[in-house]
Amino acid sequence: MTPERLRAFCLEFNASVEEFPFGPETSVFKVLGKMFALTALDARPLTVNLKCDPDEAIRLRGVHPAAVVPGWHMNKRHWNTVTVSGVPDKLLREMIEDSYDLVVAGLPKADRLRLDRP
């Protein structure tokens, strides 16, 4: 997945926005003010930090040890850093969607319903 496709995919979700709270080189993708993905789109290799269920995070790290590691500068129980070129595009898309869904699940019910993700 290219940096452009990564950005576009993250912005496809309802109410998702890209912000730069850590400087112009770091894209932070949020839904209603809560982060679900963080990346430096010009970094080589391209990596992205994604929220993950703790048990699934451990499983993914075991299956893809070179590409999925505990989240860099994040809560290592709930976040993974994923090397984009190290996982299939389909899996990466699923991981991004799961991250978005986990963040949405923590939002108030009225916000979840507004986003069509009860």
C-alpha atoms as a PDB file:
ATOM      1  CA  MET A   1       0.000   0.000   0.000  1.00  0.00           C
ATOM      2  CA  THR A   2       1.355   3.401  -0.932  1.00  0.00           C
ATOM      3  CA  PRO A   3       1.329   6.377   1.431  1.00  0.00           C
ATOM      4  CA  GLU A   4      -1.370   7.980  -0.729  1.00  0.00           C
ATOM      5  CA  ARG A   5      -3.582   4.874  -0.528  1.00  0.00           C
ATOM      6  CA  LEU A   6      -3.006   4.621   3.233  1.00  0.00           C
ATOM      7  CA  ARG A   7      -4.131   8.220   3.702  1.00  0.00           C
ATOM      8  CA  ALA A   8      -7.124   7.786   1.397  1.00  0.00           C
ATOM      9  CA  PHE A   9      -8.213   4.570   3.115  1.00  0.00           C
ATOM     10  CA  CYS A  10      -8.024   6.119   6.593  1.00  0.00           C
ATOM     11  CA  LEU A  11     -10.129   9.043   5.401  1.00  0.00           C
ATOM     12  CA  GLU A  12     -12.861   6.789   3.943  1.00  0.00           C
ATOM     13  CA  PHE A  13     -14.370   6.085   7.373  1.00  0.00           C
ATOM     14  CA  ASN A  14     -17.312   8.129   8.653  1.00  0.00           C
ATOM     15  CA  ALA A  15     -16.201  11.354  10.370  1.00  0.00           C
ATOM     16  CA  SER A  16     -12.491  10.572  10.004  1.00  0.00           C
ATOM     17  CA  VAL A  17     -10.074  13.478   9.711  1.00  0.00           C
ATOM     18  CA  GLU A  18      -6.337  13.937   9.359  1.00  0.00           C
ATOM     19  CA  GLU A  19      -4.602  16.226  11.843  1.00  0.00           C
ATOM     20  CA  PHE A  20      -0.985  17.124  12.602  1.00  0.00           C
ATOM     21  CA  PRO A  21      -0.714  17.645  16.391  1.00  0.00           C
ATOM     22  CA  PHE A  22       2.891  16.346  16.488  1.00  0.00           C
ATOM     23  CA  GLY A  23       4.182  18.400  13.557  1.00  0.00           C
ATOM     24  CA  PRO A  24       3.738  18.452   9.782  1.00  0.00           C
ATOM     25  CA  GLU A  25       5.505  15.131   9.222  1.00  0.00           C
ATOM     26  CA  THR A  26       3.153  13.022  11.371  1.00  0.00           C
ATOM     27  CA  SER A  27      -0.379  12.311  10.181  1.00  0.00           C
ATOM     28  CA  VAL A  28      -2.863  11.473  12.915  1.00  0.00           C
ATOM     29  CA  PHE A  29      -6.183  10.052  11.780  1.00  0.00           C
ATOM     30  CA  LYS A  30      -9.044  10.610  14.199  1.00  0.00           C
ATOM     31  CA  VAL A  31     -12.735   9.942  14.523  1.00  0.00           C
ATOM     32  CA  LEU A  32     -14.615  12.516  16.595  1.00  0.00           C
ATOM     33  CA  GLY A  33     -11.382  13.643  18.236  1.00  0.00           C
ATOM     34  CA  LYS A  34     -10.037  10.161  19.063  1.00  0.00           C
ATOM     35  CA  MET A  35      -6.961   8.752  17.300  1.00  0.00           C
ATOM     36  CA  PHE A  36      -7.207   5.453  15.411  1.00  0.00           C
ATOM     37  CA  ALA A  37      -4.055   5.658  13.233  1.00  0.00           C
ATOM     38  CA  LEU A  38      -0.735   7.500  13.351  1.00  0.00           C
ATOM     39  CA  THR A  39       1.925   7.536  10.627  1.00  0.00           C
ATOM     40  CA  ALA A  40       4.742   9.507   9.040  1.00  0.00           C
ATOM     41  CA  LEU A  41       3.647   9.123   5.413  1.00  0.00           C
ATOM     42  CA  ASP A  42       7.098   9.988   4.055  1.00  0.00           C
ATOM     43  CA  ALA A  43       8.962   7.490   6.294  1.00  0.00           C
ATOM     44  CA  ARG A  44      10.845   4.571   4.791  1.00  0.00           C
ATOM     45  CA  PRO A  45       9.835   1.956   5.580  1.00  0.00           C
ATOM     46  CA  LEU A  46       6.252   3.168   5.890  1.00  0.00           C
ATOM     47  CA  THR A  47       4.762   2.219   9.253  1.00  0.00           C
ATOM     48  CA  VAL A  48       1.450   2.944  10.929  1.00  0.00           C
ATOM     49  CA  ASN A  49       0.410   2.710  14.579  1.00  0.00           C
ATOM     50  CA  LEU A  50      -2.996   1.065  15.003  1.00  0.00           C
ATOM     51  CA  LYS A  51      -5.152   0.319  18.006  1.00  0.00           C
ATOM     52  CA  CYS A  52      -5.772  -3.391  18.515  1.00  0.00           C
ATOM     53  CA  ASP A  53      -7.545  -5.754  20.892  1.00  0.00           C
ATOM     54  CA  PRO A  54      -4.796  -6.932  23.296  1.00  0.00           C
ATOM     55  CA  ASP A  55      -5.231 -10.637  22.505  1.00  0.00           C
ATOM     56  CA  GLU A  56      -5.329  -9.976  18.761  1.00  0.00           C
ATOM     57  CA  ALA A  57      -2.249  -7.748  19.084  1.00  0.00           C
ATOM     58  CA  ILE A  58      -0.271 -10.631  20.575  1.00  0.00           C
ATOM     59  CA  ARG A  59      -1.522 -13.021  17.880  1.00  0.00           C
ATOM     60  CA  LEU A  60      -0.600 -10.645  15.043  1.00  0.00           C
ATOM     61  CA  ARG A  61       2.858 -10.078  16.523  1.00  0.00           C
ATOM     62  CA  GLY A  62       3.385 -13.837  16.575  1.00  0.00           C
ATOM     63  CA  VAL A  63       2.198 -14.412  13.009  1.00  0.00           C
ATOM     64  CA  HIS A  64       4.046 -11.391  11.535  1.00  0.00           C
ATOM     65  CA  PRO A  65       7.005 -10.822  13.901  1.00  0.00           C
ATOM     66  CA  ALA A  66       9.012  -8.736  11.429  1.00  0.00           C
ATOM     67  CA  ALA A  67       6.106  -6.476  10.467  1.00  0.00           C
ATOM     68  CA  VAL A  68       3.896  -6.150  13.560  1.00  0.00           C
ATOM     69  CA  VAL A  69       5.518  -5.007  16.804  1.00  0.00           C
ATOM     70  CA  PRO A  70       4.303  -3.331  19.994  1.00  0.00           C
ATOM     71  CA  GLY A  71       3.290   0.276  19.340  1.00  0.00           C
ATOM     72  CA  TRP A  72       6.222   2.649  19.282  1.00  0.00           C
ATOM     73  CA  HIS A  73       5.658   5.408  21.876  1.00  0.00           C
ATOM     74  CA  MET A  74       2.184   3.990  22.521  1.00  0.00           C
ATOM     75  CA  ASN A  75       0.508   1.739  25.091  1.00  0.00           C
ATOM     76  CA  LYS A  76       2.090  -1.531  23.997  1.00  0.00           C
ATOM     77  CA  ARG A  77      -0.855  -3.599  25.181  1.00  0.00           C
ATOM     78  CA  HIS A  78      -3.369  -1.793  22.940  1.00  0.00           C
ATOM     79  CA  TRP A  79      -1.315  -0.513  19.987  1.00  0.00           C
ATOM     80  CA  ASN A  80       0.785  -2.128  17.267  1.00  0.00           C
ATOM     81  CA  THR A  81       3.271  -0.545  14.895  1.00  0.00           C
ATOM     82  CA  VAL A  82       2.803  -2.178  11.501  1.00  0.00           C
ATOM     83  CA  THR A  83       5.354  -2.069   8.676  1.00  0.00           C
ATOM     84  CA  VAL A  84       3.049  -1.590   5.704  1.00  0.00           C
ATOM     85  CA  SER A  85       5.162  -3.566   3.222  1.00  0.00           C
ATOM     86  CA  GLY A  86       5.356  -6.516   5.627  1.00  0.00           C
ATOM     87  CA  VAL A  87       1.676  -7.484   5.612  1.00  0.00           C
ATOM     88  CA  PRO A  88      -0.805  -8.145   2.804  1.00  0.00           C
ATOM     89  CA  ASP A  89      -2.946  -5.130   1.820  1.00  0.00           C
ATOM     90  CA  LYS A  90      -6.144  -6.972   2.782  1.00  0.00           C
ATOM     91  CA  LEU A  91      -4.835  -7.616   6.305  1.00  0.00           C
ATOM     92  CA  LEU A  92      -3.655  -4.023   6.642  1.00  0.00           C
ATOM     93  CA  ARG A  93      -7.108  -2.745   5.637  1.00  0.00           C
ATOM     94  CA  GLU A  94      -8.705  -5.074   8.197  1.00  0.00           C
ATOM     95  CA  MET A  95      -6.324  -3.859  10.904  1.00  0.00           C
ATOM     96  CA  ILE A  96      -7.113  -0.203  10.117  1.00  0.00           C
ATOM     97  CA  GLU A  97     -10.849  -0.892  10.162  1.00  0.00           C
ATOM     98  CA  ASP A  98     -10.516  -2.797  13.450  1.00  0.00           C
ATOM     99  CA  SER A  99      -8.614   0.148  14.935  1.00  0.00           C
ATOM    100  CA  TYR A 100     -11.337   2.554  13.816  1.00  0.00           C
ATOM    101  CA  ASP A 101     -14.049   0.245  15.208  1.00  0.00           C
ATOM    102  CA  LEU A 102     -12.298  -0.087  18.577  1.00  0.00           C
ATOM    103  CA  VAL A 103     -12.089   3.689  18.907  1.00  0.00           C
ATOM    104  CA  VAL A 104     -15.715   4.134  17.856  1.00  0.00           C
ATOM    105  CA  ALA A 105     -16.775   1.475  20.392  1.00  0.00           C
ATOM    106  CA  GLY A 106     -15.391   3.722  23.140  1.00  0.00           C
ATOM    107  CA  LEU A 107     -17.469   6.702  22.044  1.00  0.00           C
ATOM    108  CA  PRO A 108     -20.816   7.611  23.613  1.00  0.00           C
ATOM    109  CA  LYS A 109     -23.775   5.665  22.206  1.00  0.00           C
ATOM    110  CA  ALA A 110     -25.266   8.699  20.470  1.00  0.00           C
ATOM    111  CA  ASP A 111     -22.000   9.247  18.565  1.00  0.00           C
ATOM    112  CA  ARG A 112     -21.775   5.550  17.619  1.00  0.00           C
ATOM    113  CA  LEU A 113     -25.312   5.597  16.254  1.00  0.00           C
ATOM    114  CA  ARG A 114     -24.589   8.763  14.283  1.00  0.00           C
ATOM    115  CA  LEU A 115     -21.611   6.969  12.706  1.00  0.00           C
ATOM    116  CA  ASP A 116     -23.742   3.899  11.841  1.00  0.00           C
ATOM    117  CA  ARG A 117     -21.520   1.722  14.058  1.00  0.00           C
ATOM    118  CA  PRO A 118     -23.701   0.717  17.039  1.00  0.00           C
END
